[in-house]
């Protein structure tokens, strides 16, 4: 998995691509998040439009990010999940926990 990061309006944007398999990628993503939380950034948009596959450890990474940010009074929005990932979010009922958006603008507005 690859990721890109940028900060817009004090919101961390993470764009993920490839396979979100927590054992391999989780610690690196959580470290990036921790760096930004330490700078006072408590909101995050995770663009998962290019995630082909996600296993239970990948779901765990998303939940870890959400928990860390909510503990700081922040929030996470997921952006543009594929149909396969949407189904996974529904099956696991995470669609009720995460804010899910189809556009970057919608995600940004939900976090402002």
PDB file of N, CA and C in Angstrom:
ATOM      1  N   UNK A   1       0.831  -1.176   0.000  1.00  0.00           N
ATOM      2  CA  UNK A   1       0.000   0.000   0.000  1.00  0.00           C
ATOM      3  C   UNK A   1       0.874   1.238   0.000  1.00  0.00           C
ATOM      4  N   UNK A   2       0.411   2.248  -0.709  1.00  0.00           N
ATOM      5  CA  UNK A   2       1.084   3.542  -0.731  1.00  0.00           C
ATOM      6  C   UNK A   2       0.146   4.577  -0.133  1.00  0.00           C
ATOM      7  N   UNK A   3       0.728   5.663   0.358  1.00  0.00           N
ATOM      8  CA  UNK A   3      -0.123   6.746   0.843  1.00  0.00           C
ATOM      9  C   UNK A   3       0.548   8.090   0.605  1.00  0.00           C
ATOM     10  N   UNK A   4      -0.295   9.087   0.447  1.00  0.00           N
ATOM     11  CA  UNK A   4       0.148  10.471   0.334  1.00  0.00           C
ATOM     12  C   UNK A   4      -0.535  11.236   1.452  1.00  0.00           C
ATOM     13  N   UNK A   5       0.118  12.279   1.941  1.00  0.00           N
ATOM     14  CA  UNK A   5      -0.479  13.074   3.013  1.00  0.00           C
ATOM     15  C   UNK A   5      -0.334  14.551   2.704  1.00  0.00           C
ATOM     16  N   UNK A   6      -1.340  15.311   3.127  1.00  0.00           N
ATOM     17  CA  UNK A   6      -1.265  16.756   3.061  1.00  0.00           C
ATOM     18  C   UNK A   6      -2.200  17.310   4.123  1.00  0.00           C
ATOM     19  N   UNK A   7      -1.990  18.562   4.490  1.00  0.00           N
ATOM     20  CA  UNK A   7      -2.840  19.215   5.471  1.00  0.00           C
ATOM     21  C   UNK A   7      -3.534  20.383   4.790  1.00  0.00           C
ATOM     22  N   UNK A   8      -4.886  20.411   4.899  1.00  0.00           N
ATOM     23  CA  UNK A   8      -5.695  21.485   4.335  1.00  0.00           C
ATOM     24  C   UNK A   8      -6.611  21.994   5.438  1.00  0.00           C
ATOM     25  N   UNK A   9      -6.572  23.283   5.724  1.00  0.00           N
ATOM     26  CA  UNK A   9      -7.441  23.869   6.762  1.00  0.00           C
ATOM     27  C   UNK A   9      -7.347  23.117   8.084  1.00  0.00           C
ATOM     28  N   UNK A  10      -6.136  22.762   8.484  1.00  0.00           N
ATOM     29  CA  UNK A  10      -5.880  22.049   9.734  1.00  0.00           C
ATOM     30  C   UNK A  10      -6.554  20.664   9.774  1.00  0.00           C
ATOM     31  N   UNK A  11      -6.768  20.077   8.596  1.00  0.00           N
ATOM     32  CA  UNK A  11      -7.314  18.729   8.469  1.00  0.00           C
ATOM     33  C   UNK A  11      -6.292  17.883   7.702  1.00  0.00           C
ATOM     34  N   UNK A  12      -5.929  16.750   8.273  1.00  0.00           N
ATOM     35  CA  UNK A  12      -4.992  15.835   7.620  1.00  0.00           C
ATOM     36  C   UNK A  12      -5.727  15.052   6.544  1.00  0.00           C
ATOM     37  N   UNK A  13      -5.201  15.086   5.322  1.00  0.00           N
ATOM     38  CA  UNK A  13      -5.753  14.298   4.222  1.00  0.00           C
ATOM     39  C   UNK A  13      -4.790  13.153   3.936  1.00  0.00           C
ATOM     40  N   UNK A  14      -5.273  11.924   4.070  1.00  0.00           N
ATOM     41  CA  UNK A  14      -4.482  10.745   3.734  1.00  0.00           C
ATOM     42  C   UNK A  14      -5.113  10.089   2.517  1.00  0.00           C
ATOM     43  N   UNK A  15      -4.345   9.927   1.452  1.00  0.00           N
ATOM     44  CA  UNK A  15      -4.842   9.245   0.250  1.00  0.00           C
ATOM     45  C   UNK A  15      -4.141   7.901   0.181  1.00  0.00           C
ATOM     46  N   UNK A  16      -4.914   6.841   0.340  1.00  0.00           N
ATOM     47  CA  UNK A  16      -4.372   5.486   0.355  1.00  0.00           C
ATOM     48  C   UNK A  16      -4.615   4.814  -0.982  1.00  0.00           C
ATOM     49  N   UNK A  17      -3.684   3.975  -1.401  1.00  0.00           N
ATOM     50  CA  UNK A  17      -3.883   3.200  -2.628  1.00  0.00           C
ATOM     51  C   UNK A  17      -3.249   1.829  -2.449  1.00  0.00           C
ATOM     52  N   UNK A  18      -3.849   0.847  -3.110  1.00  0.00           N
ATOM     53  CA  UNK A  18      -3.346  -0.523  -3.019  1.00  0.00           C
ATOM     54  C   UNK A  18      -4.202  -1.347  -2.085  1.00  0.00           C
ATOM     55  N   UNK A  19      -3.564  -2.191  -1.283  1.00  0.00           N
ATOM     56  CA  UNK A  19      -4.262  -3.072  -0.348  1.00  0.00           C
ATOM     57  C   UNK A  19      -3.996  -2.608   1.073  1.00  0.00           C
ATOM     58  N   UNK A  20      -5.072  -2.390   1.837  1.00  0.00           N
ATOM     59  CA  UNK A  20      -4.926  -1.978   3.232  1.00  0.00           C
ATOM     60  C   UNK A  20      -4.911  -3.226   4.099  1.00  0.00           C
ATOM     61  N   UNK A  21      -3.695  -3.685   4.373  1.00  0.00           N
ATOM     62  CA  UNK A  21      -3.484  -4.870   5.201  1.00  0.00           C
ATOM     63  C   UNK A  21      -2.677  -4.407   6.405  1.00  0.00           C
ATOM     64  N   UNK A  22      -3.317  -4.345   7.536  1.00  0.00           N
ATOM     65  CA  UNK A  22      -2.779  -3.685   8.717  1.00  0.00           C
ATOM     66  C   UNK A  22      -1.406  -4.113   9.166  1.00  0.00           C
ATOM     67  N   UNK A  23      -1.114  -5.425   9.099  1.00  0.00           N
ATOM     68  CA  UNK A  23       0.173  -5.894   9.617  1.00  0.00           C
ATOM     69  C   UNK A  23       1.330  -5.179   8.929  1.00  0.00           C
ATOM     70  N   UNK A  24       1.186  -4.932   7.627  1.00  0.00           N
ATOM     71  CA  UNK A  24       2.276  -4.337   6.858  1.00  0.00           C
ATOM     72  C   UNK A  24       2.264  -2.819   6.912  1.00  0.00           C
ATOM     73  N   UNK A  25       1.089  -2.224   6.911  1.00  0.00           N
ATOM     74  CA  UNK A  25       0.990  -0.781   6.718  1.00  0.00           C
ATOM     75  C   UNK A  25       0.534  -0.016   7.950  1.00  0.00           C
ATOM     76  N   UNK A  26      -0.116  -0.694   8.857  1.00  0.00           N
ATOM     77  CA  UNK A  26      -0.722  -0.027  10.002  1.00  0.00           C
ATOM     78  C   UNK A  26       0.218   0.823  10.831  1.00  0.00           C
ATOM     79  N   UNK A  27       1.343   0.282  11.280  1.00  0.00           N
ATOM     80  CA  UNK A  27       2.226   1.071  12.135  1.00  0.00           C
ATOM     81  C   UNK A  27       2.696   2.367  11.469  1.00  0.00           C
ATOM     82  N   UNK A  28       2.981   2.340  10.186  1.00  0.00           N
ATOM     83  CA  UNK A  28       3.417   3.549   9.485  1.00  0.00           C
ATOM     84  C   UNK A  28       2.329   4.601   9.424  1.00  0.00           C
ATOM     85  N   UNK A  29       1.100   4.183   9.139  1.00  0.00           N
ATOM     86  CA  UNK A  29      -0.017   5.133   9.085  1.00  0.00           C
ATOM     87  C   UNK A  29      -0.300   5.729  10.460  1.00  0.00           C
ATOM     88  N   UNK A  30      -0.266   4.895  11.486  1.00  0.00           N
ATOM     89  CA  UNK A  30      -0.524   5.386  12.838  1.00  0.00           C
ATOM     90  C   UNK A  30       0.576   6.358  13.262  1.00  0.00           C
ATOM     91  N   UNK A  31       1.807   6.097  12.858  1.00  0.00           N
ATOM     92  CA  UNK A  31       2.912   7.013  13.179  1.00  0.00           C
ATOM     93  C   UNK A  31       2.717   8.370  12.508  1.00  0.00           C
ATOM     94  N   UNK A  32       2.308   8.364  11.234  1.00  0.00           N
ATOM     95  CA  UNK A  32       2.015   9.619  10.529  1.00  0.00           C
ATOM     96  C   UNK A  32       0.915  10.372  11.272  1.00  0.00           C
ATOM     97  N   UNK A  33      -0.122   9.656  11.688  1.00  0.00           N
ATOM     98  CA  UNK A  33      -1.212  10.275  12.423  1.00  0.00           C
ATOM     99  C   UNK A  33      -0.708  10.881  13.729  1.00  0.00           C
ATOM    100  N   UNK A  34       0.098  10.123  14.467  1.00  0.00           N
ATOM    101  CA  UNK A  34       0.619  10.624  15.743  1.00  0.00           C
ATOM    102  C   UNK A  34       1.424  11.905  15.568  1.00  0.00           C
ATOM    103  N   UNK A  35       2.219  11.984  14.507  1.00  0.00           N
ATOM    104  CA  UNK A  35       3.005  13.191  14.239  1.00  0.00           C
ATOM    105  C   UNK A  35       2.081  14.399  14.088  1.00  0.00           C
ATOM    106  N   UNK A  36       0.981  14.227  13.375  1.00  0.00           N
ATOM    107  CA  UNK A  36       0.066  15.338  13.138  1.00  0.00           C
ATOM    108  C   UNK A  36      -0.771  15.659  14.377  1.00  0.00           C
ATOM    109  N   UNK A  37      -1.152  14.642  15.145  1.00  0.00           N
ATOM    110  CA  UNK A  37      -1.884  14.881  16.390  1.00  0.00           C
ATOM    111  C   UNK A  37      -1.015  15.700  17.339  1.00  0.00           C
ATOM    112  N   UNK A  38       0.284  15.386  17.388  1.00  0.00           N
ATOM    113  CA  UNK A  38       1.202  16.136  18.247  1.00  0.00           C
ATOM    114  C   UNK A  38       1.345  17.586  17.809  1.00  0.00           C
ATOM    115  N   UNK A  39       0.998  17.880  16.549  1.00  0.00           N
ATOM    116  CA  UNK A  39       1.015  19.259  16.039  1.00  0.00           C
ATOM    117  C   UNK A  39      -0.340  19.936  16.215  1.00  0.00           C
ATOM    118  N   UNK A  40      -1.287  19.232  16.843  1.00  0.00           N
ATOM    119  CA  UNK A  40      -2.594  19.827  17.110  1.00  0.00           C
ATOM    120  C   UNK A  40      -3.644  19.581  16.046  1.00  0.00           C
ATOM    121  N   UNK A  41      -3.380  18.668  15.120  1.00  0.00           N
ATOM    122  CA  UNK A  41      -4.360  18.332  14.083  1.00  0.00           C
ATOM    123  C   UNK A  41      -5.172  17.139  14.573  1.00  0.00           C
ATOM    124  N   UNK A  42      -6.488  17.338  14.714  1.00  0.00           N
ATOM    125  CA  UNK A  42      -7.339  16.294  15.282  1.00  0.00           C
ATOM    126  C   UNK A  42      -8.453  15.859  14.342  1.00  0.00           C
ATOM    127  N   UNK A  43      -8.365  16.259  13.080  1.00  0.00           N
ATOM    128  CA  UNK A  43      -9.364  15.841  12.093  1.00  0.00           C
ATOM    129  C   UNK A  43      -8.637  15.252  10.895  1.00  0.00           C
ATOM    130  N   UNK A  44      -9.262  14.237  10.288  1.00  0.00           N
ATOM    131  CA  UNK A  44      -8.589  13.520   9.214  1.00  0.00           C
ATOM    132  C   UNK A  44      -9.599  13.038   8.179  1.00  0.00           C
ATOM    133  N   UNK A  45      -9.255  13.185   6.922  1.00  0.00           N
ATOM    134  CA  UNK A  45     -10.005  12.592   5.821  1.00  0.00           C
ATOM    135  C   UNK A  45      -9.124  11.494   5.249  1.00  0.00           C
ATOM    136  N   UNK A  46      -9.681  10.296   5.143  1.00  0.00           N
ATOM    137  CA  UNK A  46      -8.940   9.181   4.571  1.00  0.00           C
ATOM    138  C   UNK A  46      -9.589   8.831   3.237  1.00  0.00           C
ATOM    139  N   UNK A  47      -8.880   9.126   2.161  1.00  0.00           N
ATOM    140  CA  UNK A  47      -9.365   8.821   0.811  1.00  0.00           C
ATOM    141  C   UNK A  47      -9.030   7.370   0.521  1.00  0.00           C
ATOM    142  N   UNK A  48     -10.079   6.544   0.488  1.00  0.00           N
ATOM    143  CA  UNK A  48      -9.876   5.105   0.261  1.00  0.00           C
ATOM    144  C   UNK A  48     -10.404   4.686  -1.112  1.00  0.00           C
ATOM    145  N   UNK A  49     -10.525   5.645  -2.014  1.00  0.00           N
ATOM    146  CA  UNK A  49     -11.075   5.344  -3.345  1.00  0.00           C
ATOM    147  C   UNK A  49     -10.195   4.374  -4.129  1.00  0.00           C
ATOM    148  N   UNK A  50      -8.898   4.332  -3.833  1.00  0.00           N
ATOM    149  CA  UNK A  50      -7.991   3.458  -4.570  1.00  0.00           C
ATOM    150  C   UNK A  50      -7.556   2.235  -3.766  1.00  0.00           C
ATOM    151  N   UNK A  51      -8.308   1.927  -2.698  1.00  0.00           N
ATOM    152  CA  UNK A  51      -8.044   0.699  -1.939  1.00  0.00           C
ATOM    153  C   UNK A  51      -8.737  -0.455  -2.651  1.00  0.00           C
ATOM    154  N   UNK A  52      -7.946  -1.429  -3.084  1.00  0.00           N
ATOM    155  CA  UNK A  52      -8.498  -2.581  -3.795  1.00  0.00           C
ATOM    156  C   UNK A  52      -9.030  -3.627  -2.823  1.00  0.00           C
ATOM    157  N   UNK A  53      -8.306  -3.812  -1.710  1.00  0.00           N
ATOM    158  CA  UNK A  53      -8.619  -4.885  -0.772  1.00  0.00           C
ATOM    159  C   UNK A  53      -8.307  -4.404   0.631  1.00  0.00           C
ATOM    160  N   UNK A  54      -9.141  -4.811   1.584  1.00  0.00           N
ATOM    161  CA  UNK A  54      -8.893  -4.474   2.979  1.00  0.00           C
ATOM    162  C   UNK A  54      -9.248  -5.691   3.819  1.00  0.00           C
ATOM    163  N   UNK A  55      -8.335  -6.100   4.700  1.00  0.00           N
ATOM    164  CA  UNK A  55      -8.624  -7.229   5.581  1.00  0.00           C
ATOM    165  C   UNK A  55      -8.986  -6.718   6.977  1.00  0.00           C
ATOM    166  N   UNK A  56      -9.175  -7.634   7.919  1.00  0.00           N
ATOM    167  CA  UNK A  56      -9.586  -7.235   9.263  1.00  0.00           C
ATOM    168  C   UNK A  56      -8.537  -6.359   9.940  1.00  0.00           C
ATOM    169  N   UNK A  57      -7.273  -6.584   9.647  1.00  0.00           N
ATOM    170  CA  UNK A  57      -6.223  -5.740  10.223  1.00  0.00           C
ATOM    171  C   UNK A  57      -6.288  -4.335   9.644  1.00  0.00           C
ATOM    172  N   UNK A  58      -6.656  -4.216   8.373  1.00  0.00           N
ATOM    173  CA  UNK A  58      -6.842  -2.901   7.756  1.00  0.00           C
ATOM    174  C   UNK A  58      -7.988  -2.153   8.401  1.00  0.00           C
ATOM    175  N   UNK A  59      -9.077  -2.880   8.689  1.00  0.00           N
ATOM    176  CA  UNK A  59     -10.199  -2.274   9.417  1.00  0.00           C
ATOM    177  C   UNK A  59      -9.722  -1.812  10.785  1.00  0.00           C
ATOM    178  N   UNK A  60      -8.892  -2.626  11.414  1.00  0.00           N
ATOM    179  CA  UNK A  60      -8.337  -2.255  12.717  1.00  0.00           C
ATOM    180  C   UNK A  60      -7.540  -0.970  12.669  1.00  0.00           C
ATOM    181  N   UNK A  61      -6.805  -0.764  11.585  1.00  0.00           N
ATOM    182  CA  UNK A  61      -6.032   0.478  11.417  1.00  0.00           C
ATOM    183  C   UNK A  61      -6.986   1.672  11.368  1.00  0.00           C
ATOM    184  N   UNK A  62      -8.065   1.554  10.585  1.00  0.00           N
ATOM    185  CA  UNK A  62      -9.030   2.653  10.495  1.00  0.00           C
ATOM    186  C   UNK A  62      -9.662   2.943  11.855  1.00  0.00           C
ATOM    187  N   UNK A  63      -9.993   1.885  12.595  1.00  0.00           N
ATOM    188  CA  UNK A  63     -10.590   2.068  13.926  1.00  0.00           C
ATOM    189  C   UNK A  63      -9.586   2.693  14.890  1.00  0.00           C
ATOM    190  N   UNK A  64      -8.324   2.296  14.805  1.00  0.00           N
ATOM    191  CA  UNK A  64      -7.281   2.895  15.650  1.00  0.00           C
ATOM    192  C   UNK A  64      -7.164   4.387  15.381  1.00  0.00           C
ATOM    193  N   UNK A  65      -7.162   4.764  14.099  1.00  0.00           N
ATOM    194  CA  UNK A  65      -7.080   6.185  13.733  1.00  0.00           C
ATOM    195  C   UNK A  65      -8.293   6.929  14.283  1.00  0.00           C
ATOM    196  N   UNK A  66      -9.478   6.373  14.093  1.00  0.00           N
ATOM    197  CA  UNK A  66     -10.701   6.998  14.586  1.00  0.00           C
ATOM    198  C   UNK A  66     -10.659   7.168  16.101  1.00  0.00           C
ATOM    199  N   UNK A  67     -10.247   6.122  16.807  1.00  0.00           N
ATOM    200  CA  UNK A  67     -10.203   6.170  18.273  1.00  0.00           C
ATOM    201  C   UNK A  67      -9.227   7.231  18.759  1.00  0.00           C
ATOM    202  N   UNK A  68      -8.028   7.262  18.167  1.00  0.00           N
ATOM    203  CA  UNK A  68      -7.032   8.254  18.581  1.00  0.00           C
ATOM    204  C   UNK A  68      -7.554   9.675  18.396  1.00  0.00           C
ATOM    205  N   UNK A  69      -8.206   9.930  17.268  1.00  0.00           N
ATOM    206  CA  UNK A  69      -8.685  11.280  17.004  1.00  0.00           C
ATOM    207  C   UNK A  69      -9.894  11.628  17.862  1.00  0.00           C
ATOM    208  N   UNK A  70     -10.816  10.708  18.034  1.00  0.00           N
ATOM    209  CA  UNK A  70     -11.987  10.998  18.891  1.00  0.00           C
ATOM    210  C   UNK A  70     -11.568  11.217  20.340  1.00  0.00           C
ATOM    211  N   UNK A  71     -10.524  10.527  20.796  1.00  0.00           N
ATOM    212  CA  UNK A  71     -10.027  10.749  22.157  1.00  0.00           C
ATOM    213  C   UNK A  71      -9.466  12.151  22.332  1.00  0.00           C
ATOM    214  N   UNK A  72      -9.100  12.793  21.234  1.00  0.00           N
ATOM    215  CA  UNK A  72      -8.594  14.171  21.264  1.00  0.00           C
ATOM    216  C   UNK A  72      -9.689  15.170  20.889  1.00  0.00           C
ATOM    217  N   UNK A  73     -10.930  14.692  20.769  1.00  0.00           N
ATOM    218  CA  UNK A  73     -12.034  15.572  20.386  1.00  0.00           C
ATOM    219  C   UNK A  73     -12.137  15.768  18.885  1.00  0.00           C
ATOM    220  N   UNK A  74     -11.464  14.920  18.116  1.00  0.00           N
ATOM    221  CA  UNK A  74     -11.444  15.043  16.662  1.00  0.00           C
ATOM    222  C   UNK A  74     -12.405  14.093  15.982  1.00  0.00           C
ATOM    223  N   UNK A  75     -12.235  13.960  14.670  1.00  0.00           N
ATOM    224  CA  UNK A  75     -13.137  13.129  13.866  1.00  0.00           C
ATOM    225  C   UNK A  75     -12.418  12.652  12.616  1.00  0.00           C
ATOM    226  N   UNK A  76     -12.961  11.589  12.009  1.00  0.00           N
ATOM    227  CA  UNK A  76     -12.435  11.020  10.775  1.00  0.00           C
ATOM    228  C   UNK A  76     -13.569  10.918   9.767  1.00  0.00           C
ATOM    229  N   UNK A  77     -13.271  11.244   8.516  1.00  0.00           N
ATOM    230  CA  UNK A  77     -14.211  11.031   7.418  1.00  0.00           C
ATOM    231  C   UNK A  77     -13.532  10.127   6.398  1.00  0.00           C
ATOM    232  N   UNK A  78     -14.277   9.155   5.906  1.00  0.00           N
ATOM    233  CA  UNK A  78     -13.776   8.292   4.837  1.00  0.00           C
ATOM    234  C   UNK A  78     -14.289   8.834   3.518  1.00  0.00           C
ATOM    235  N   UNK A  79     -13.427   8.842   2.523  1.00  0.00           N
ATOM    236  CA  UNK A  79     -13.767   9.434   1.237  1.00  0.00           C
ATOM    237  C   UNK A  79     -13.814   8.376   0.144  1.00  0.00           C
ATOM    238  N   UNK A  80     -14.944   8.311  -0.523  1.00  0.00           N
ATOM    239  CA  UNK A  80     -15.117   7.596  -1.781  1.00  0.00           C
ATOM    240  C   UNK A  80     -14.691   6.121  -1.748  1.00  0.00           C
ATOM    241  N   UNK A  81     -15.250   5.309  -0.826  1.00  0.00           N
ATOM    242  CA  UNK A  81     -14.876   3.890  -0.833  1.00  0.00           C
ATOM    243  C   UNK A  81     -15.427   3.191  -2.072  1.00  0.00           C
ATOM    244  N   UNK A  82     -14.697   2.195  -2.549  1.00  0.00           N
ATOM    245  CA  UNK A  82     -15.173   1.384  -3.674  1.00  0.00           C
ATOM    246  C   UNK A  82     -16.403   0.592  -3.228  1.00  0.00           C
ATOM    247  N   UNK A  83     -17.103  -0.001  -4.178  1.00  0.00           N
ATOM    248  CA  UNK A  83     -18.292  -0.791  -3.842  1.00  0.00           C
ATOM    249  C   UNK A  83     -17.930  -1.947  -2.908  1.00  0.00           C
ATOM    250  N   UNK A  84     -16.794  -2.597  -3.176  1.00  0.00           N
ATOM    251  CA  UNK A  84     -16.366  -3.717  -2.338  1.00  0.00           C
ATOM    252  C   UNK A  84     -16.090  -3.256  -0.910  1.00  0.00           C
ATOM    253  N   UNK A  85     -15.403  -2.134  -0.762  1.00  0.00           N
ATOM    254  CA  UNK A  85     -15.089  -1.618   0.576  1.00  0.00           C
ATOM    255  C   UNK A  85     -16.365  -1.123   1.258  1.00  0.00           C
ATOM    256  N   UNK A  86     -17.287  -0.511   0.492  1.00  0.00           N
ATOM    257  CA  UNK A  86     -18.576  -0.094   1.068  1.00  0.00           C
ATOM    258  C   UNK A  86     -19.312  -1.288   1.658  1.00  0.00           C
ATOM    259  N   UNK A  87     -19.326  -2.404   0.915  1.00  0.00           N
ATOM    260  CA  UNK A  87     -19.993  -3.615   1.406  1.00  0.00           C
ATOM    261  C   UNK A  87     -19.355  -4.091   2.705  1.00  0.00           C
ATOM    262  N   UNK A  88     -18.042  -4.046   2.767  1.00  0.00           N
ATOM    263  CA  UNK A  88     -17.329  -4.450   3.972  1.00  0.00           C
ATOM    264  C   UNK A  88     -17.695  -3.543   5.147  1.00  0.00           C
ATOM    265  N   UNK A  89     -17.795  -2.239   4.887  1.00  0.00           N
ATOM    266  CA  UNK A  89     -18.161  -1.294   5.949  1.00  0.00           C
ATOM    267  C   UNK A  89     -19.586  -1.546   6.441  1.00  0.00           C
ATOM    268  N   UNK A  90     -20.485  -1.928   5.530  1.00  0.00           N
ATOM    269  CA  UNK A  90     -21.870  -2.227   5.918  1.00  0.00           C
ATOM    270  C   UNK A  90     -21.928  -3.531   6.723  1.00  0.00           C
ATOM    271  N   UNK A  91     -21.236  -4.564   6.238  1.00  0.00           N
ATOM    272  CA  UNK A  91     -21.237  -5.864   6.928  1.00  0.00           C
ATOM    273  C   UNK A  91     -20.716  -5.721   8.357  1.00  0.00           C
ATOM    274  N   UNK A  92     -19.680  -4.912   8.534  1.00  0.00           N
ATOM    275  CA  UNK A  92     -19.069  -4.727   9.856  1.00  0.00           C
ATOM    276  C   UNK A  92     -19.755  -3.627  10.656  1.00  0.00           C
ATOM    277  N   UNK A  93     -20.762  -2.998  10.061  1.00  0.00           N
ATOM    278  CA  UNK A  93     -21.523  -1.900  10.664  1.00  0.00           C
ATOM    279  C   UNK A  93     -20.671  -0.657  10.932  1.00  0.00           C
ATOM    280  N   UNK A  94     -19.519  -0.594  10.296  1.00  0.00           N
ATOM    281  CA  UNK A  94     -18.662   0.582  10.461  1.00  0.00           C
ATOM    282  C   UNK A  94     -19.206   1.785   9.694  1.00  0.00           C
ATOM    283  N   UNK A  95     -20.144   1.546   8.786  1.00  0.00           N
ATOM    284  CA  UNK A  95     -20.777   2.658   8.086  1.00  0.00           C
ATOM    285  C   UNK A  95     -21.589   3.515   9.065  1.00  0.00           C
ATOM    286  N   UNK A  96     -21.928   2.965  10.243  1.00  0.00           N
ATOM    287  CA  UNK A  96     -22.636   3.729  11.272  1.00  0.00           C
ATOM    288  C   UNK A  96     -21.682   4.498  12.176  1.00  0.00           C
ATOM    289  N   UNK A  97     -20.411   4.150  12.140  1.00  0.00           N
ATOM    290  CA  UNK A  97     -19.422   4.757  13.020  1.00  0.00           C
ATOM    291  C   UNK A  97     -18.622   5.837  12.289  1.00  0.00           C
ATOM    292  N   UNK A  98     -18.277   5.560  11.036  1.00  0.00           N
ATOM    293  CA  UNK A  98     -17.504   6.510  10.239  1.00  0.00           C
ATOM    294  C   UNK A  98     -18.429   7.422   9.447  1.00  0.00           C
ATOM    295  N   UNK A  99     -17.985   8.631   9.262  1.00  0.00           N
ATOM    296  CA  UNK A  99     -18.631   9.558   8.335  1.00  0.00           C
ATOM    297  C   UNK A  99     -18.081   9.225   6.946  1.00  0.00           C
ATOM    298  N   UNK A 100     -18.963   8.871   6.001  1.00  0.00           N
ATOM    299  CA  UNK A 100     -18.527   8.434   4.673  1.00  0.00           C
ATOM    300  C   UNK A 100     -19.050   9.417   3.633  1.00  0.00           C
ATOM    301  N   UNK A 101     -18.160   9.883   2.750  1.00  0.00           N
ATOM    302  CA  UNK A 101     -18.520  10.913   1.770  1.00  0.00           C
ATOM    303  C   UNK A 101     -18.071  10.518   0.370  1.00  0.00           C
ATOM    304  N   UNK A 102     -18.788  11.046  -0.628  1.00  0.00           N
ATOM    305  CA  UNK A 102     -18.452  10.794  -2.030  1.00  0.00           C
ATOM    306  C   UNK A 102     -17.590  11.888  -2.636  1.00  0.00           C
ATOM    307  N   UNK A 103     -17.473  13.039  -1.940  1.00  0.00           N
ATOM    308  CA  UNK A 103     -16.667  14.134  -2.491  1.00  0.00           C
ATOM    309  C   UNK A 103     -15.752  14.710  -1.414  1.00  0.00           C
ATOM    310  N   UNK A 104     -14.611  15.202  -1.853  1.00  0.00           N
ATOM    311  CA  UNK A 104     -13.655  15.817  -0.937  1.00  0.00           C
ATOM    312  C   UNK A 104     -14.279  17.033  -0.264  1.00  0.00           C
ATOM    313  N   UNK A 105     -15.051  17.805  -1.041  1.00  0.00           N
ATOM    314  CA  UNK A 105     -15.698  19.004  -0.503  1.00  0.00           C
ATOM    315  C   UNK A 105     -16.676  18.632   0.614  1.00  0.00           C
ATOM    316  N   UNK A 106     -17.467  17.577   0.374  1.00  0.00           N
ATOM    317  CA  UNK A 106     -18.414  17.127   1.388  1.00  0.00           C
ATOM    318  C   UNK A 106     -17.712  16.680   2.659  1.00  0.00           C
ATOM    319  N   UNK A 107     -16.612  15.959   2.501  1.00  0.00           N
ATOM    320  CA  UNK A 107     -15.845  15.499   3.652  1.00  0.00           C
ATOM    321  C   UNK A 107     -15.249  16.678   4.416  1.00  0.00           C
ATOM    322  N   UNK A 108     -14.678  17.631   3.682  1.00  0.00           N
ATOM    323  CA  UNK A 108     -14.105  18.825   4.333  1.00  0.00           C
ATOM    324  C   UNK A 108     -15.180  19.589   5.089  1.00  0.00           C
ATOM    325  N   UNK A 109     -16.327  19.788   4.462  1.00  0.00           N
ATOM    326  CA  UNK A 109     -17.421  20.535   5.118  1.00  0.00           C
ATOM    327  C   UNK A 109     -17.908  19.824   6.372  1.00  0.00           C
ATOM    328  N   UNK A 110     -17.928  18.495   6.349  1.00  0.00           N
ATOM    329  CA  UNK A 110     -18.418  17.754   7.517  1.00  0.00           C
ATOM    330  C   UNK A 110     -17.473  17.898   8.710  1.00  0.00           C
ATOM    331  N   UNK A 111     -16.217  18.172   8.452  1.00  0.00           N
ATOM    332  CA  UNK A 111     -15.226  18.260   9.532  1.00  0.00           C
ATOM    333  C   UNK A 111     -14.971  19.689   9.996  1.00  0.00           C
ATOM    334  N   UNK A 112     -15.488  20.658   9.284  1.00  0.00           N
ATOM    335  CA  UNK A 112     -15.246  22.064   9.685  1.00  0.00           C
ATOM    336  C   UNK A 112     -16.163  22.484  10.802  1.00  0.00           C
TER     337      UNK A 112
END
